[in-house]
């Protein structure tokens, strides 16, 4: 039987990570149309509200049901505004490993939200789901994503040469593909234990499991 992630809400001092819902459509579409998001993610441009709705109502639930991963909206605790998305993909239930990725809206950058959300997700995976490895892959030129990986305690394992496709603007305003390297990072349970930053210090508070989800 295929293992699947539960429908989960994770709360930190400043954030709530929860399942995406249709109310997120406008904010999600706006975030995915940002220049930096378009440069470092393989999403169609322009990213329409219909594409956001399909992601929320079809793609994310199907991925979770199939056991492949989990997409969580990251929202501000006080305003409920969509800060970004945390994604778990390439899940291997036998090895107990998954790849973690994060996207942050342009207005929310520089506040430490990506590292706070990623760290909370890691604690949940290791403690509640008994995972043994989280992997991150950052494009060679994406220094902001690399800084998040370092901040949460990831160890750089090496480079996958020419394995990533990034995107740059052309003179006519369209996007074109460029090949670059992936830097591979890993995070193990003992990396968090030895990092000197305990869950309480990270604003990590509670898990809530929902009874059902799309």
N, C-alpha and C. Protein backbone atom coordinates (compact mmCIF):
# COMPACT_ATOMS: atom_id res chain seq x y z
N UNK A 1 0.85 -1.19 0.00
CA UNK A 1 0.00 0.00 0.00
C UNK A 1 0.88 1.24 0.00
N UNK A 2 0.51 2.21 -0.82
CA UNK A 2 1.28 3.44 -0.92
C UNK A 2 1.12 4.27 0.34
N UNK A 3 2.22 4.76 0.88
CA UNK A 3 2.16 5.66 2.03
C UNK A 3 1.87 7.07 1.54
N UNK A 4 1.19 7.83 2.35
CA UNK A 4 0.87 9.21 2.01
C UNK A 4 1.07 10.11 3.23
N UNK A 5 1.32 11.38 2.94
CA UNK A 5 1.39 12.35 4.02
C UNK A 5 -0.01 12.68 4.51
N UNK A 6 -0.17 12.95 5.81
CA UNK A 6 -1.47 13.37 6.33
C UNK A 6 -1.76 14.81 5.94
N UNK A 7 -3.00 15.20 6.05
CA UNK A 7 -3.37 16.60 5.89
C UNK A 7 -2.98 17.32 7.17
N UNK A 8 -2.05 18.25 7.07
CA UNK A 8 -1.37 18.77 8.26
C UNK A 8 -1.36 20.29 8.28
N UNK A 9 -1.41 20.85 9.48
CA UNK A 9 -1.14 22.27 9.68
C UNK A 9 -0.01 22.37 10.69
N UNK A 10 0.99 23.19 10.37
CA UNK A 10 2.15 23.39 11.24
C UNK A 10 2.21 24.86 11.61
N UNK A 11 2.28 25.14 12.90
CA UNK A 11 2.33 26.52 13.37
C UNK A 11 3.71 26.84 13.93
N UNK A 12 4.22 28.03 13.60
CA UNK A 12 5.43 28.55 14.20
C UNK A 12 5.07 29.87 14.87
N UNK A 13 6.06 30.57 15.37
CA UNK A 13 5.81 31.84 16.03
C UNK A 13 5.14 32.85 15.11
N UNK A 14 5.54 32.84 13.84
CA UNK A 14 5.02 33.85 12.91
C UNK A 14 4.18 33.29 11.77
N UNK A 15 4.22 31.97 11.58
CA UNK A 15 3.66 31.39 10.37
C UNK A 15 2.70 30.24 10.67
N UNK A 16 1.83 29.99 9.70
CA UNK A 16 1.01 28.78 9.67
C UNK A 16 1.21 28.13 8.32
N UNK A 17 1.62 26.87 8.34
CA UNK A 17 1.73 26.07 7.12
C UNK A 17 0.51 25.17 7.07
N UNK A 18 -0.22 25.22 5.98
CA UNK A 18 -1.49 24.51 5.86
C UNK A 18 -1.70 24.08 4.41
N UNK A 19 -2.70 23.23 4.15
CA UNK A 19 -3.01 22.88 2.76
C UNK A 19 -3.41 24.11 1.95
N UNK A 20 -3.01 24.13 0.70
CA UNK A 20 -3.48 25.18 -0.21
C UNK A 20 -4.99 25.07 -0.39
N UNK A 21 -5.66 26.22 -0.52
CA UNK A 21 -7.08 26.19 -0.83
C UNK A 21 -7.38 27.24 -1.91
N UNK A 22 -8.59 27.22 -2.43
CA UNK A 22 -8.91 28.06 -3.59
C UNK A 22 -8.85 29.55 -3.28
N UNK A 23 -8.96 29.93 -2.02
CA UNK A 23 -8.81 31.34 -1.68
C UNK A 23 -7.39 31.84 -1.95
N UNK A 24 -6.44 30.91 -2.10
CA UNK A 24 -5.05 31.28 -2.36
C UNK A 24 -4.78 31.57 -3.83
N UNK A 25 -5.74 31.32 -4.71
CA UNK A 25 -5.50 31.41 -6.15
C UNK A 25 -4.89 32.74 -6.58
N UNK A 26 -5.48 33.89 -6.26
CA UNK A 26 -4.90 35.16 -6.75
C UNK A 26 -3.48 35.40 -6.24
N UNK A 27 -3.25 35.16 -4.95
CA UNK A 27 -1.92 35.40 -4.38
C UNK A 27 -0.89 34.42 -4.92
N UNK A 28 -1.31 33.17 -5.14
CA UNK A 28 -0.39 32.17 -5.67
C UNK A 28 0.00 32.51 -7.10
N UNK A 29 -0.97 32.92 -7.90
CA UNK A 29 -0.67 33.29 -9.29
C UNK A 29 0.28 34.48 -9.33
N UNK A 30 0.02 35.48 -8.50
CA UNK A 30 0.89 36.67 -8.47
C UNK A 30 2.30 36.29 -8.05
N UNK A 31 2.45 35.43 -7.06
CA UNK A 31 3.76 35.02 -6.59
C UNK A 31 4.53 34.27 -7.67
N UNK A 32 3.86 33.38 -8.39
CA UNK A 32 4.53 32.57 -9.39
C UNK A 32 4.91 33.37 -10.64
N UNK A 33 4.34 34.56 -10.81
CA UNK A 33 4.70 35.43 -11.93
C UNK A 33 5.86 36.36 -11.60
N UNK A 34 6.36 36.31 -10.39
CA UNK A 34 7.51 37.14 -10.01
C UNK A 34 8.74 36.74 -10.82
N UNK A 35 9.58 37.72 -11.13
CA UNK A 35 10.76 37.48 -11.96
C UNK A 35 11.70 36.43 -11.37
N UNK A 36 11.95 36.51 -10.06
CA UNK A 36 12.87 35.56 -9.43
C UNK A 36 12.30 34.15 -9.42
N UNK A 37 11.00 34.04 -9.17
CA UNK A 37 10.36 32.72 -9.19
C UNK A 37 10.42 32.13 -10.59
N UNK A 38 10.13 32.96 -11.58
CA UNK A 38 10.18 32.50 -12.97
C UNK A 38 11.58 32.07 -13.38
N UNK A 39 12.60 32.76 -12.84
CA UNK A 39 13.98 32.45 -13.20
C UNK A 39 14.43 31.11 -12.67
N UNK A 40 13.99 30.75 -11.46
CA UNK A 40 14.56 29.58 -10.77
C UNK A 40 13.61 28.40 -10.66
N UNK A 41 12.38 28.52 -11.15
CA UNK A 41 11.45 27.39 -11.12
C UNK A 41 10.99 27.09 -12.53
N UNK A 42 10.59 25.86 -12.74
CA UNK A 42 10.18 25.42 -14.08
C UNK A 42 8.66 25.52 -14.21
N UNK A 43 8.13 26.73 -14.06
CA UNK A 43 6.69 26.94 -14.16
C UNK A 43 6.38 27.72 -15.43
N UNK A 44 5.22 27.48 -16.03
CA UNK A 44 4.87 28.20 -17.26
C UNK A 44 4.70 29.69 -16.98
N UNK A 45 5.11 30.50 -17.95
CA UNK A 45 4.98 31.94 -17.83
C UNK A 45 4.24 32.50 -19.06
N UNK A 46 3.26 33.38 -18.86
CA UNK A 46 2.77 33.82 -17.55
C UNK A 46 2.02 32.71 -16.83
N UNK A 47 2.00 32.79 -15.50
CA UNK A 47 1.33 31.80 -14.67
C UNK A 47 -0.06 32.33 -14.35
N UNK A 48 -1.08 31.70 -14.91
CA UNK A 48 -2.44 32.21 -14.83
C UNK A 48 -3.13 31.77 -13.54
N UNK A 49 -4.24 32.43 -13.24
CA UNK A 49 -5.03 32.01 -12.09
C UNK A 49 -5.62 30.62 -12.32
N UNK A 50 -5.91 30.27 -13.57
CA UNK A 50 -6.39 28.92 -13.85
C UNK A 50 -5.32 27.89 -13.55
N UNK A 51 -4.07 28.22 -13.87
CA UNK A 51 -2.97 27.31 -13.54
C UNK A 51 -2.84 27.15 -12.03
N UNK A 52 -3.01 28.25 -11.29
CA UNK A 52 -2.96 28.18 -9.82
C UNK A 52 -4.10 27.32 -9.29
N UNK A 53 -5.28 27.48 -9.86
CA UNK A 53 -6.44 26.71 -9.41
C UNK A 53 -6.24 25.22 -9.69
N UNK A 54 -5.69 24.90 -10.85
CA UNK A 54 -5.42 23.50 -11.19
C UNK A 54 -4.41 22.90 -10.22
N UNK A 55 -3.38 23.65 -9.90
CA UNK A 55 -2.37 23.19 -8.93
C UNK A 55 -3.04 22.87 -7.59
N UNK A 56 -3.90 23.79 -7.12
CA UNK A 56 -4.51 23.66 -5.80
C UNK A 56 -5.55 22.55 -5.75
N UNK A 57 -6.39 22.46 -6.77
CA UNK A 57 -7.53 21.54 -6.70
C UNK A 57 -7.26 20.17 -7.31
N UNK A 58 -6.24 20.07 -8.19
CA UNK A 58 -5.99 18.81 -8.87
C UNK A 58 -4.58 18.27 -8.61
N UNK A 59 -3.57 19.07 -8.95
CA UNK A 59 -2.19 18.56 -8.90
C UNK A 59 -1.73 18.23 -7.48
N UNK A 60 -1.92 19.16 -6.56
CA UNK A 60 -1.45 18.95 -5.18
C UNK A 60 -2.17 17.77 -4.51
N UNK A 61 -3.51 17.69 -4.59
CA UNK A 61 -4.18 16.53 -3.99
C UNK A 61 -3.77 15.21 -4.63
N UNK A 62 -3.58 15.20 -5.96
CA UNK A 62 -3.18 13.97 -6.64
C UNK A 62 -1.79 13.52 -6.21
N UNK A 63 -0.88 14.47 -6.06
CA UNK A 63 0.48 14.15 -5.64
C UNK A 63 0.49 13.57 -4.23
N UNK A 64 -0.32 14.16 -3.35
CA UNK A 64 -0.38 13.65 -1.98
C UNK A 64 -0.99 12.26 -1.95
N UNK A 65 -2.10 12.07 -2.67
CA UNK A 65 -2.78 10.78 -2.67
C UNK A 65 -1.88 9.68 -3.23
N UNK A 66 -1.09 10.01 -4.23
CA UNK A 66 -0.19 9.03 -4.83
C UNK A 66 1.03 8.74 -3.97
N UNK A 67 1.23 9.54 -2.92
CA UNK A 67 2.36 9.33 -2.03
C UNK A 67 3.63 10.02 -2.48
N UNK A 68 3.52 10.86 -3.52
CA UNK A 68 4.71 11.48 -4.07
C UNK A 68 5.22 12.69 -3.32
N UNK A 69 4.33 13.38 -2.61
CA UNK A 69 4.79 14.58 -1.93
C UNK A 69 3.67 15.33 -1.23
N UNK A 70 3.94 16.59 -0.92
CA UNK A 70 3.01 17.41 -0.17
C UNK A 70 3.32 18.87 -0.46
N UNK A 71 2.27 19.66 -0.76
CA UNK A 71 2.41 21.10 -0.95
C UNK A 71 1.68 21.82 0.18
N UNK A 72 2.36 22.76 0.82
CA UNK A 72 1.78 23.51 1.92
C UNK A 72 1.86 25.01 1.65
N UNK A 73 0.74 25.70 1.85
CA UNK A 73 0.76 27.16 1.82
C UNK A 73 1.42 27.66 3.10
N UNK A 74 2.26 28.66 2.96
CA UNK A 74 2.90 29.31 4.11
C UNK A 74 2.24 30.67 4.28
N UNK A 75 1.60 30.90 5.42
CA UNK A 75 0.87 32.14 5.63
C UNK A 75 1.34 32.83 6.91
N UNK A 76 1.19 34.14 6.94
CA UNK A 76 1.48 34.89 8.17
C UNK A 76 0.43 34.57 9.21
N UNK A 77 0.87 34.34 10.43
CA UNK A 77 -0.05 33.99 11.51
C UNK A 77 -1.06 35.12 11.78
N UNK A 78 -0.58 36.36 11.79
CA UNK A 78 -1.45 37.48 12.16
C UNK A 78 -2.36 37.92 11.02
N UNK A 79 -1.84 37.97 9.79
CA UNK A 79 -2.61 38.52 8.67
C UNK A 79 -3.24 37.46 7.79
N UNK A 80 -2.77 36.21 7.88
CA UNK A 80 -3.19 35.10 7.02
C UNK A 80 -2.80 35.32 5.56
N UNK A 81 -1.94 36.28 5.31
CA UNK A 81 -1.48 36.57 3.95
C UNK A 81 -0.53 35.46 3.48
N UNK A 82 -0.63 35.10 2.19
CA UNK A 82 0.20 34.03 1.66
C UNK A 82 1.64 34.51 1.51
N UNK A 83 2.53 33.89 2.28
CA UNK A 83 3.95 34.21 2.27
C UNK A 83 4.66 33.43 1.18
N UNK A 84 4.27 32.17 1.00
CA UNK A 84 4.96 31.33 0.03
C UNK A 84 4.41 29.93 0.05
N UNK A 85 5.21 29.00 -0.46
CA UNK A 85 4.83 27.59 -0.54
C UNK A 85 6.04 26.74 -0.15
N UNK A 86 5.79 25.70 0.61
CA UNK A 86 6.80 24.66 0.87
C UNK A 86 6.33 23.40 0.16
N UNK A 87 7.26 22.78 -0.57
CA UNK A 87 6.92 21.58 -1.33
C UNK A 87 7.81 20.41 -0.92
N UNK A 88 7.20 19.25 -0.74
CA UNK A 88 7.92 17.99 -0.56
C UNK A 88 7.67 17.15 -1.80
N UNK A 89 8.76 16.72 -2.46
CA UNK A 89 8.64 15.92 -3.68
C UNK A 89 9.62 14.76 -3.62
N UNK A 90 9.59 13.91 -4.64
CA UNK A 90 10.51 12.77 -4.76
C UNK A 90 10.56 11.95 -3.47
N UNK A 91 9.40 11.73 -2.88
CA UNK A 91 9.34 11.03 -1.60
C UNK A 91 9.61 9.54 -1.79
N UNK A 92 10.50 9.01 -0.96
CA UNK A 92 10.80 7.58 -0.95
C UNK A 92 10.42 7.05 0.42
N UNK A 93 9.32 6.32 0.50
CA UNK A 93 8.79 5.89 1.79
C UNK A 93 9.60 4.75 2.39
N UNK A 94 10.31 4.00 1.56
CA UNK A 94 11.17 2.94 2.09
C UNK A 94 12.43 3.53 2.72
N UNK A 95 13.04 4.48 2.03
CA UNK A 95 14.24 5.15 2.54
C UNK A 95 13.88 6.20 3.58
N UNK A 96 12.62 6.64 3.58
CA UNK A 96 12.14 7.73 4.44
C UNK A 96 12.89 9.02 4.12
N UNK A 97 12.80 9.41 2.86
CA UNK A 97 13.47 10.63 2.42
C UNK A 97 12.54 11.40 1.49
N UNK A 98 12.79 12.70 1.38
CA UNK A 98 12.03 13.55 0.47
C UNK A 98 12.87 14.76 0.11
N UNK A 99 12.55 15.34 -1.03
CA UNK A 99 13.20 16.59 -1.44
C UNK A 99 12.32 17.76 -1.02
N UNK A 100 12.94 18.78 -0.44
CA UNK A 100 12.22 19.95 0.04
C UNK A 100 12.57 21.16 -0.81
N UNK A 101 11.55 21.93 -1.17
CA UNK A 101 11.75 23.18 -1.90
C UNK A 101 10.85 24.25 -1.30
N UNK A 102 11.22 25.51 -1.53
CA UNK A 102 10.45 26.61 -0.96
C UNK A 102 10.41 27.77 -1.95
N UNK A 103 9.29 28.46 -1.96
CA UNK A 103 9.09 29.64 -2.79
C UNK A 103 8.52 30.72 -1.89
N UNK A 104 9.06 31.94 -2.00
CA UNK A 104 8.62 33.04 -1.15
C UNK A 104 8.18 34.21 -2.02
N UNK A 105 7.04 34.80 -1.68
CA UNK A 105 6.55 35.96 -2.41
C UNK A 105 7.53 37.12 -2.29
N UNK A 106 7.65 37.95 -3.32
CA UNK A 106 8.65 39.03 -3.29
C UNK A 106 8.50 39.99 -2.11
N UNK A 107 7.28 40.26 -1.68
CA UNK A 107 7.06 41.21 -0.58
C UNK A 107 7.54 40.64 0.76
N UNK A 108 7.67 39.32 0.84
CA UNK A 108 8.00 38.67 2.12
C UNK A 108 9.47 38.29 2.23
N UNK A 109 10.26 38.58 1.24
CA UNK A 109 11.67 38.18 1.27
C UNK A 109 12.47 39.04 2.25
N UNK A 110 13.51 38.43 2.78
CA UNK A 110 14.38 39.14 3.72
C UNK A 110 13.91 39.10 5.16
N UNK A 111 12.83 38.38 5.43
CA UNK A 111 12.27 38.30 6.78
C UNK A 111 12.57 36.98 7.47
N UNK A 112 13.27 36.08 6.79
CA UNK A 112 13.57 34.78 7.38
C UNK A 112 12.43 33.79 7.30
N UNK A 113 11.41 34.09 6.50
CA UNK A 113 10.25 33.21 6.43
C UNK A 113 10.59 31.85 5.80
N UNK A 114 11.43 31.85 4.77
CA UNK A 114 11.75 30.58 4.10
C UNK A 114 12.44 29.62 5.06
N UNK A 115 13.42 30.12 5.80
CA UNK A 115 14.13 29.24 6.73
C UNK A 115 13.23 28.80 7.88
N UNK A 116 12.36 29.68 8.36
CA UNK A 116 11.44 29.32 9.44
C UNK A 116 10.47 28.23 8.98
N UNK A 117 9.93 28.37 7.77
CA UNK A 117 8.99 27.37 7.25
C UNK A 117 9.70 26.05 6.95
N UNK A 118 10.90 26.14 6.37
CA UNK A 118 11.64 24.92 6.04
C UNK A 118 12.05 24.17 7.30
N UNK A 119 12.49 24.91 8.31
CA UNK A 119 12.92 24.27 9.55
C UNK A 119 11.74 23.61 10.26
N UNK A 120 10.59 24.27 10.28
CA UNK A 120 9.41 23.68 10.90
C UNK A 120 8.99 22.40 10.17
N UNK A 121 9.06 22.44 8.85
CA UNK A 121 8.73 21.25 8.06
C UNK A 121 9.70 20.11 8.36
N UNK A 122 10.97 20.45 8.48
CA UNK A 122 11.98 19.43 8.78
C UNK A 122 11.73 18.78 10.14
N UNK A 123 11.44 19.59 11.15
CA UNK A 123 11.14 19.03 12.48
C UNK A 123 9.94 18.09 12.42
N UNK A 124 8.92 18.49 11.67
CA UNK A 124 7.72 17.65 11.55
C UNK A 124 8.05 16.33 10.84
N UNK A 125 8.82 16.42 9.75
CA UNK A 125 9.18 15.20 9.03
C UNK A 125 9.99 14.25 9.89
N UNK A 126 10.96 14.76 10.62
CA UNK A 126 11.84 13.90 11.41
C UNK A 126 11.13 13.36 12.66
N UNK A 127 10.35 14.17 13.31
CA UNK A 127 9.75 13.76 14.59
C UNK A 127 8.43 13.02 14.41
N UNK A 128 7.57 13.55 13.55
CA UNK A 128 6.23 12.98 13.42
C UNK A 128 6.19 11.89 12.35
N UNK A 129 6.87 12.08 11.25
CA UNK A 129 6.83 11.14 10.14
C UNK A 129 8.01 10.17 10.13
N UNK A 130 8.94 10.36 11.06
CA UNK A 130 10.09 9.45 11.22
C UNK A 130 10.96 9.37 9.96
N UNK A 131 11.10 10.50 9.27
CA UNK A 131 11.97 10.52 8.10
C UNK A 131 13.43 10.57 8.54
N UNK A 132 14.31 10.13 7.64
CA UNK A 132 15.73 10.04 7.95
C UNK A 132 16.60 10.94 7.09
N UNK A 133 16.02 11.55 6.06
CA UNK A 133 16.81 12.39 5.17
C UNK A 133 15.90 13.37 4.44
N UNK A 134 16.34 14.64 4.38
CA UNK A 134 15.72 15.65 3.53
C UNK A 134 16.79 16.14 2.58
N UNK A 135 16.43 16.23 1.31
CA UNK A 135 17.37 16.71 0.30
C UNK A 135 16.88 18.02 -0.29
N UNK A 136 17.80 18.93 -0.53
CA UNK A 136 17.51 20.19 -1.20
C UNK A 136 18.43 20.30 -2.41
N UNK A 137 17.92 20.89 -3.47
CA UNK A 137 18.72 21.16 -4.65
C UNK A 137 18.57 22.63 -5.01
N UNK A 138 19.67 23.34 -5.06
CA UNK A 138 19.62 24.76 -5.36
C UNK A 138 20.45 25.03 -6.61
N UNK A 139 19.93 25.85 -7.50
CA UNK A 139 20.68 26.22 -8.70
C UNK A 139 21.94 26.96 -8.30
N UNK A 140 22.98 26.78 -9.08
CA UNK A 140 24.29 27.33 -8.73
C UNK A 140 24.24 28.84 -8.52
N UNK A 141 23.41 29.55 -9.23
CA UNK A 141 23.35 31.01 -9.10
C UNK A 141 22.31 31.51 -8.12
N UNK A 142 21.55 30.60 -7.51
CA UNK A 142 20.47 31.02 -6.62
C UNK A 142 21.01 31.13 -5.19
N UNK A 143 21.71 32.23 -4.93
CA UNK A 143 22.37 32.39 -3.63
C UNK A 143 21.37 32.51 -2.48
N UNK A 144 20.21 33.09 -2.73
CA UNK A 144 19.21 33.23 -1.66
C UNK A 144 18.75 31.87 -1.17
N UNK A 145 18.50 30.94 -2.09
CA UNK A 145 18.08 29.60 -1.71
C UNK A 145 19.20 28.86 -1.00
N UNK A 146 20.42 29.08 -1.44
CA UNK A 146 21.57 28.45 -0.78
C UNK A 146 21.73 28.95 0.66
N UNK A 147 21.47 30.22 0.87
CA UNK A 147 21.57 30.78 2.22
C UNK A 147 20.54 30.16 3.16
N UNK A 148 19.34 29.88 2.64
CA UNK A 148 18.33 29.21 3.45
C UNK A 148 18.79 27.82 3.84
N UNK A 149 19.33 27.08 2.88
CA UNK A 149 19.83 25.73 3.16
C UNK A 149 20.89 25.76 4.25
N UNK A 150 21.80 26.71 4.16
CA UNK A 150 22.85 26.82 5.17
C UNK A 150 22.28 27.20 6.53
N UNK A 151 21.31 28.09 6.52
CA UNK A 151 20.76 28.59 7.77
C UNK A 151 20.05 27.51 8.58
N UNK A 152 19.41 26.56 7.89
CA UNK A 152 18.68 25.52 8.63
C UNK A 152 19.57 24.33 8.95
N UNK A 153 20.86 24.41 8.58
CA UNK A 153 21.79 23.37 8.99
C UNK A 153 22.11 22.31 7.96
N UNK A 154 21.74 22.54 6.69
CA UNK A 154 22.01 21.56 5.65
C UNK A 154 23.50 21.44 5.38
N UNK A 155 23.90 20.27 4.94
CA UNK A 155 25.28 19.99 4.56
C UNK A 155 25.35 19.90 3.04
N UNK A 156 26.27 20.63 2.43
CA UNK A 156 26.46 20.54 0.99
C UNK A 156 27.17 19.24 0.65
N UNK A 157 26.56 18.45 -0.24
CA UNK A 157 27.10 17.13 -0.57
C UNK A 157 27.84 17.10 -1.90
N UNK A 158 27.61 18.09 -2.75
CA UNK A 158 28.28 18.07 -4.04
C UNK A 158 27.49 18.79 -5.10
N UNK A 159 27.91 18.63 -6.33
CA UNK A 159 27.33 19.34 -7.46
C UNK A 159 26.88 18.35 -8.52
N UNK A 160 25.66 18.54 -9.01
CA UNK A 160 25.18 17.82 -10.18
C UNK A 160 25.42 18.73 -11.38
N UNK A 161 26.42 18.43 -12.15
CA UNK A 161 26.83 19.33 -13.22
C UNK A 161 25.81 19.37 -14.36
N UNK A 162 25.46 20.59 -14.75
CA UNK A 162 24.60 20.81 -15.92
C UNK A 162 23.23 20.16 -15.76
N UNK A 163 22.77 19.98 -14.51
CA UNK A 163 21.54 19.23 -14.25
C UNK A 163 20.31 20.11 -14.07
N UNK A 164 20.51 21.43 -14.07
CA UNK A 164 19.41 22.36 -13.77
C UNK A 164 19.15 23.25 -14.98
N UNK A 165 17.88 23.52 -15.24
CA UNK A 165 17.51 24.49 -16.26
C UNK A 165 16.93 25.72 -15.56
N UNK A 166 17.61 26.83 -15.68
CA UNK A 166 17.12 28.12 -15.19
C UNK A 166 16.60 28.92 -16.39
N UNK A 167 16.13 30.14 -16.14
CA UNK A 167 15.51 30.92 -17.20
C UNK A 167 15.98 32.37 -17.11
N UNK A 168 16.22 32.98 -18.27
CA UNK A 168 16.61 34.38 -18.32
C UNK A 168 15.76 35.10 -19.36
N UNK A 169 15.60 36.39 -19.15
CA UNK A 169 14.86 37.23 -20.09
C UNK A 169 15.69 37.47 -21.35
N UNK A 170 15.04 37.44 -22.50
CA UNK A 170 15.68 37.81 -23.75
C UNK A 170 15.39 39.27 -24.06
N UNK A 171 16.00 39.79 -25.10
CA UNK A 171 15.81 41.20 -25.46
C UNK A 171 14.36 41.54 -25.81
N UNK A 172 13.62 40.55 -26.29
CA UNK A 172 12.22 40.82 -26.66
C UNK A 172 11.26 40.61 -25.49
N UNK A 173 11.81 40.32 -24.28
CA UNK A 173 10.97 40.18 -23.10
C UNK A 173 10.49 38.78 -22.81
N UNK A 174 10.78 37.84 -23.69
CA UNK A 174 10.39 36.45 -23.44
C UNK A 174 11.44 35.76 -22.59
N UNK A 175 11.17 34.51 -22.24
CA UNK A 175 12.10 33.74 -21.42
C UNK A 175 12.81 32.70 -22.28
N UNK A 176 14.06 32.42 -21.96
CA UNK A 176 14.80 31.36 -22.62
C UNK A 176 15.49 30.50 -21.56
N UNK A 177 15.70 29.23 -21.88
CA UNK A 177 16.32 28.30 -20.95
C UNK A 177 17.83 28.42 -20.98
N UNK A 178 18.45 28.30 -19.80
CA UNK A 178 19.90 28.22 -19.70
C UNK A 178 20.24 27.07 -18.76
N UNK A 179 21.27 26.32 -19.09
CA UNK A 179 21.67 25.20 -18.26
C UNK A 179 22.66 25.67 -17.21
N UNK A 180 22.53 25.08 -16.02
CA UNK A 180 23.46 25.39 -14.94
C UNK A 180 23.57 24.17 -14.03
N UNK A 181 24.33 24.30 -12.96
CA UNK A 181 24.53 23.17 -12.04
C UNK A 181 23.53 23.20 -10.90
N UNK A 182 23.27 22.05 -10.33
CA UNK A 182 22.54 21.93 -9.08
C UNK A 182 23.54 21.69 -7.95
N UNK A 183 23.40 22.42 -6.86
CA UNK A 183 24.11 22.09 -5.63
C UNK A 183 23.18 21.24 -4.77
N UNK A 184 23.67 20.09 -4.33
CA UNK A 184 22.86 19.15 -3.56
C UNK A 184 23.18 19.31 -2.08
N UNK A 185 22.13 19.47 -1.27
CA UNK A 185 22.26 19.61 0.17
C UNK A 185 21.46 18.52 0.85
N UNK A 186 21.85 18.14 2.05
CA UNK A 186 21.08 17.17 2.82
C UNK A 186 20.93 17.64 4.25
N UNK A 187 19.85 17.18 4.85
CA UNK A 187 19.59 17.46 6.26
C UNK A 187 19.14 16.15 6.90
N UNK A 188 19.82 15.76 7.98
CA UNK A 188 19.49 14.54 8.72
C UNK A 188 19.01 14.92 10.11
N UNK A 189 18.33 14.02 10.81
CA UNK A 189 17.84 14.35 12.16
C UNK A 189 18.95 14.84 13.08
N UNK A 190 20.13 14.23 13.00
CA UNK A 190 21.21 14.65 13.90
C UNK A 190 21.75 16.03 13.56
N UNK A 191 21.55 16.49 12.34
CA UNK A 191 21.97 17.85 11.99
C UNK A 191 21.17 18.89 12.76
N UNK A 192 19.90 18.62 12.97
CA UNK A 192 19.07 19.54 13.75
C UNK A 192 19.41 19.46 15.22
N UNK A 193 19.69 18.26 15.69
CA UNK A 193 20.02 18.09 17.11
C UNK A 193 21.31 18.80 17.47
N UNK A 194 22.24 18.85 16.53
CA UNK A 194 23.53 19.47 16.82
C UNK A 194 23.63 20.91 16.39
N UNK A 195 22.54 21.46 15.88
CA UNK A 195 22.61 22.81 15.33
C UNK A 195 22.53 23.88 16.41
N UNK A 196 22.10 23.49 17.63
CA UNK A 196 22.01 24.46 18.72
C UNK A 196 20.76 25.30 18.67
N UNK A 197 19.87 25.00 17.71
CA UNK A 197 18.62 25.74 17.61
C UNK A 197 17.48 24.77 17.79
N UNK A 198 16.92 24.75 18.97
CA UNK A 198 15.84 23.84 19.29
C UNK A 198 14.53 24.37 18.74
N UNK A 199 13.51 23.51 18.62
CA UNK A 199 12.24 23.94 18.05
C UNK A 199 11.66 25.18 18.71
N UNK A 200 11.75 25.28 20.03
CA UNK A 200 11.18 26.45 20.69
C UNK A 200 11.88 27.72 20.27
N UNK A 201 13.20 27.63 20.08
CA UNK A 201 13.95 28.80 19.66
C UNK A 201 13.60 29.22 18.25
N UNK A 202 13.14 28.24 17.44
CA UNK A 202 12.81 28.54 16.06
C UNK A 202 11.36 28.98 15.92
N UNK A 203 10.65 29.13 17.02
CA UNK A 203 9.25 29.51 16.95
C UNK A 203 8.36 28.33 16.59
N UNK A 204 8.86 27.12 16.74
CA UNK A 204 8.14 25.91 16.37
C UNK A 204 7.16 25.55 17.49
N UNK A 205 5.88 25.37 17.14
CA UNK A 205 4.92 25.15 18.21
C UNK A 205 4.12 23.87 18.04
N UNK A 206 3.21 23.81 17.06
CA UNK A 206 2.26 22.71 17.07
C UNK A 206 2.04 22.11 15.69
N UNK A 207 1.59 20.85 15.70
CA UNK A 207 1.10 20.17 14.50
C UNK A 207 -0.40 19.96 14.69
N UNK A 208 -1.16 20.12 13.63
CA UNK A 208 -2.58 19.77 13.66
C UNK A 208 -2.87 18.94 12.44
N UNK A 209 -3.47 17.77 12.63
CA UNK A 209 -3.83 16.92 11.51
C UNK A 209 -5.32 17.06 11.23
N UNK A 210 -5.66 17.34 9.95
CA UNK A 210 -7.05 17.47 9.56
C UNK A 210 -7.62 16.10 9.27
N UNK A 211 -8.94 15.96 9.38
CA UNK A 211 -9.57 14.67 9.14
C UNK A 211 -9.70 14.38 7.65
N UNK A 212 -9.78 15.41 6.82
CA UNK A 212 -9.87 15.16 5.38
C UNK A 212 -9.30 16.34 4.63
N UNK A 213 -8.99 16.08 3.39
CA UNK A 213 -8.41 17.10 2.50
C UNK A 213 -8.73 16.69 1.09
N UNK A 214 -8.84 17.63 0.17
CA UNK A 214 -9.22 17.32 -1.21
C UNK A 214 -8.42 16.15 -1.76
